[in-house]
Amino acid sequence: MKYLDKNTEVKLSIKDAVGVGFVLASLMTMYFSLKTEIAEAKKLPPPIMTAEEFRYKDEIVTKTIMLTQKDVDVIKEDVKEIKETLKLLEERLYESNAN
C-alpha cells in the first residue's frame, strides 16, 4: 500500500487538469447559485397553502359540517318531542283545572 507524503509525485495530463478545473468551476458555480437562491427564498413570504393541504382542510370542514347537521337534526327531533309533551301536559292541566 502506498501512502501520500510530501515526496509523492502526481502526474496529470493537460486533459485531466482541464477536467478537474471544469468540475471545480461547476461545483463552485452551483454552490454560489444555490446560496443566492436560498437568500432570495428567505425574503419571500411563506406559501399560502398547497393543493394537498387545501384538500385535507376541505375534507375536515366538510366532515365537521356533516356532523353538525346530524346533531341539528337530532336536536330538532328532541324539540319536536318536547313540544308534543308540553302540549299534552298543557291539555291535562287545562282539563284538571276545568273540573
Foldseek 3Di string as FASTA:
>chain_A
DDDDDPPDDDDDDPVRVVVVVVVVVVVVVVVVVVVVVVVVVVPDDDDDDDPVRVVVVVVVVVVVVVVVVVVVVVVVVVVVVVVVVVVVVVVVVVVVVVD
